[in-house]
Amino acid sequence: MSLADILRSGIATARTITLPLHVTVTHKAWTGQDYEGTPTYDNNNLGTQRLALVERKQKLVRSMSGTEEMSSTYIAFIEEVAPTTPTAGFTRTNPIDVNDVFTLPDGTTGPVLAVDGFFDGGTSVPYYSQIWLG
C-alpha cells in the first residue's frame, strides 16, 4: 500500500466520521461569460449541490491576489471535486476557481478570497478542497 493509498483511505474515513456535520452548499462553477459580459456557470447557471463542512469564522487570509483580507466563512469539501470545462476562449483554475460562487444553506454568499487543497499526484485532483469566502 502506497502513501497515496493511505492518504486516500484516511480522507475517506474523515469524510465518513464528519458527515453528520456537513451541510449542503450550492457550488456554481464559473465557465466564462456570455456575449453581453454576464458570467456563466455550469449546470445551466443552477450550480451543483455539494456536502461540505462550513465554519463561520473571521480569519485573516492571503487572497488569490496576494493581499491580506478578512475571511468570514470557511468551506471544506472532503471529497474530490471534478474539474469544470470552461466556455471556449476562457480559462479557469480547476477544480475551484476564484470566479466560482458558493451559496450557503441560509442563502448567504461572498467572494472567493482563497482556495487551497492537497493534490493527488496520480490524478492531479485535490483529495479535499478548502475555500475562504469574504
Protein backbone atom coordinates (compact mmCIF):
# COMPACT_ATOMS: atom_id res chain seq x y z
CA MET A 1 0.00 0.00 0.00
CA SER A 2 1.46 3.36 -1.04
CA LEU A 3 1.42 6.58 0.95
CA ALA A 4 -1.15 7.98 -1.52
CA ASP A 5 -3.44 4.99 -0.84
CA ILE A 6 -3.10 5.54 2.92
CA LEU A 7 -3.94 9.24 2.49
CA ARG A 8 -6.97 8.46 0.30
CA SER A 9 -8.18 5.97 2.91
CA GLY A 10 -7.65 8.45 5.76
CA ILE A 11 -9.58 11.19 3.95
CA ALA A 12 -12.43 8.77 3.18
CA THR A 13 -12.54 7.89 6.90
CA ALA A 14 -12.53 11.58 7.87
CA ARG A 15 -15.43 12.22 5.49
CA THR A 16 -17.43 9.35 6.95
CA ILE A 17 -16.82 10.49 10.53
CA THR A 18 -17.66 14.15 9.83
CA LEU A 19 -20.64 13.51 7.54
CA PRO A 20 -23.21 14.39 10.25
CA LEU A 21 -21.60 17.87 10.39
CA HIS A 22 -21.83 18.51 6.65
CA VAL A 23 -24.37 20.93 5.15
CA THR A 24 -25.50 21.36 1.56
CA VAL A 25 -23.73 24.15 -0.31
CA THR A 26 -24.53 25.22 -3.87
CA HIS A 27 -21.38 25.46 -5.98
CA LYS A 28 -21.74 27.39 -9.23
CA ALA A 29 -18.57 26.70 -11.19
CA TRP A 30 -17.71 29.67 -13.41
CA THR A 31 -17.36 28.75 -17.10
CA GLY A 32 -16.85 32.16 -18.72
CA GLN A 33 -19.23 34.85 -19.86
CA ASP A 34 -21.89 35.37 -22.47
CA TYR A 35 -21.84 37.87 -25.34
CA GLU A 36 -23.08 40.63 -23.00
CA GLY A 37 -20.31 40.03 -20.47
CA THR A 38 -22.55 38.30 -17.91
CA PRO A 39 -20.80 35.44 -16.06
CA THR A 40 -21.90 31.93 -17.00
CA TYR A 41 -21.81 28.88 -14.75
CA ASP A 42 -22.06 25.11 -15.03
CA ASN A 43 -25.32 23.20 -14.96
CA ASN A 44 -27.26 25.95 -16.79
CA ASN A 45 -26.28 28.50 -14.11
CA LEU A 46 -28.01 26.40 -11.41
CA GLY A 47 -24.84 25.02 -9.88
CA THR A 48 -24.22 21.73 -8.13
CA GLN A 49 -25.32 20.74 -4.64
CA ARG A 50 -22.34 19.53 -2.58
CA LEU A 51 -21.93 18.40 1.01
CA ALA A 52 -19.34 20.45 2.87
CA LEU A 53 -18.07 21.41 6.27
CA VAL A 54 -18.85 25.10 6.79
CA GLU A 55 -17.43 27.25 9.58
CA ARG A 56 -18.38 30.87 10.19
CA LYS A 57 -15.15 32.36 11.42
CA GLN A 58 -13.29 35.58 10.83
CA LYS A 59 -9.75 34.87 9.80
CA LEU A 60 -7.13 36.89 8.01
CA VAL A 61 -6.15 35.05 4.80
CA ARG A 62 -3.85 35.83 1.91
CA SER A 63 -6.15 36.28 -1.06
CA MET A 64 -5.52 34.97 -4.56
CA SER A 65 -4.29 38.47 -5.49
CA GLY A 66 -1.67 38.33 -2.72
CA THR A 67 -3.26 40.83 -0.34
CA GLU A 68 -4.40 40.02 3.19
CA GLU A 69 -8.17 40.09 3.55
CA MET A 70 -10.66 39.13 6.26
CA SER A 71 -12.49 35.90 5.55
CA SER A 72 -15.91 35.32 7.08
CA THR A 73 -16.57 31.70 6.09
CA TYR A 74 -14.51 28.55 5.61
CA ILE A 75 -15.81 25.75 3.36
CA ALA A 76 -14.21 22.30 3.08
CA PHE A 77 -15.14 19.66 0.52
CA ILE A 78 -13.78 16.39 1.87
CA GLU A 79 -14.08 14.63 -1.45
CA GLU A 80 -12.82 15.12 -4.96
CA VAL A 81 -14.46 17.94 -6.90
CA ALA A 82 -14.46 17.16 -10.61
CA PRO A 83 -12.95 19.75 -12.95
CA THR A 84 -15.26 22.03 -14.93
CA THR A 85 -14.79 22.69 -18.63
CA PRO A 86 -14.78 26.43 -19.37
CA THR A 87 -16.52 28.05 -22.31
CA ALA A 88 -14.30 28.26 -25.42
CA GLY A 89 -11.91 31.19 -25.10
CA PHE A 90 -11.90 31.20 -21.27
CA THR A 91 -9.54 29.62 -18.75
CA ARG A 92 -10.42 28.55 -15.24
CA THR A 93 -8.46 27.10 -12.33
CA ASN A 94 -9.81 23.65 -11.55
CA PRO A 95 -11.49 22.33 -9.57
CA ILE A 96 -12.25 25.61 -7.73
CA ASP A 97 -11.84 28.98 -9.45
CA VAL A 98 -11.82 32.42 -7.81
CA ASN A 99 -14.84 33.30 -10.00
CA ASP A 100 -16.95 30.39 -8.67
CA VAL A 101 -19.97 31.22 -6.50
CA PHE A 102 -20.83 29.37 -3.29
CA THR A 103 -24.23 29.75 -1.64
CA LEU A 104 -24.61 28.58 1.95
CA PRO A 105 -27.79 26.96 3.34
CA ASP A 106 -29.01 30.30 4.71
CA GLY A 107 -28.66 31.91 1.26
CA THR A 108 -25.54 33.94 2.00
CA THR A 109 -22.59 34.05 -0.33
CA GLY A 110 -19.37 36.01 -0.66
CA PRO A 111 -16.41 36.43 -2.94
CA VAL A 112 -13.85 33.62 -3.04
CA LEU A 113 -10.75 35.02 -1.32
CA ALA A 114 -8.52 31.95 -1.25
CA VAL A 115 -8.53 28.32 -2.35
CA ASP A 116 -6.33 25.54 -1.02
CA GLY A 117 -6.16 21.77 -1.06
CA PHE A 118 -3.89 18.76 -1.07
CA PHE A 119 -3.49 17.32 -4.57
CA ASP A 120 -3.36 13.65 -5.50
CA GLY A 121 -0.17 13.24 -7.54
CA GLY A 122 -1.73 10.42 -9.55
CA THR A 123 -4.89 12.23 -10.63
CA SER A 124 -3.92 15.93 -10.18
CA VAL A 125 -7.28 16.37 -8.41
CA PRO A 126 -7.32 17.53 -4.78
CA TYR A 127 -8.11 14.95 -2.10
CA TYR A 128 -10.04 17.79 -0.49
CA SER A 129 -10.65 21.48 -1.25
CA GLN A 130 -10.68 24.43 1.15
CA ILE A 131 -12.32 27.74 0.26
CA TRP A 132 -12.35 31.01 2.21
CA LEU A 133 -15.14 33.46 1.45
CA GLY A 134 -15.10 37.19 2.16
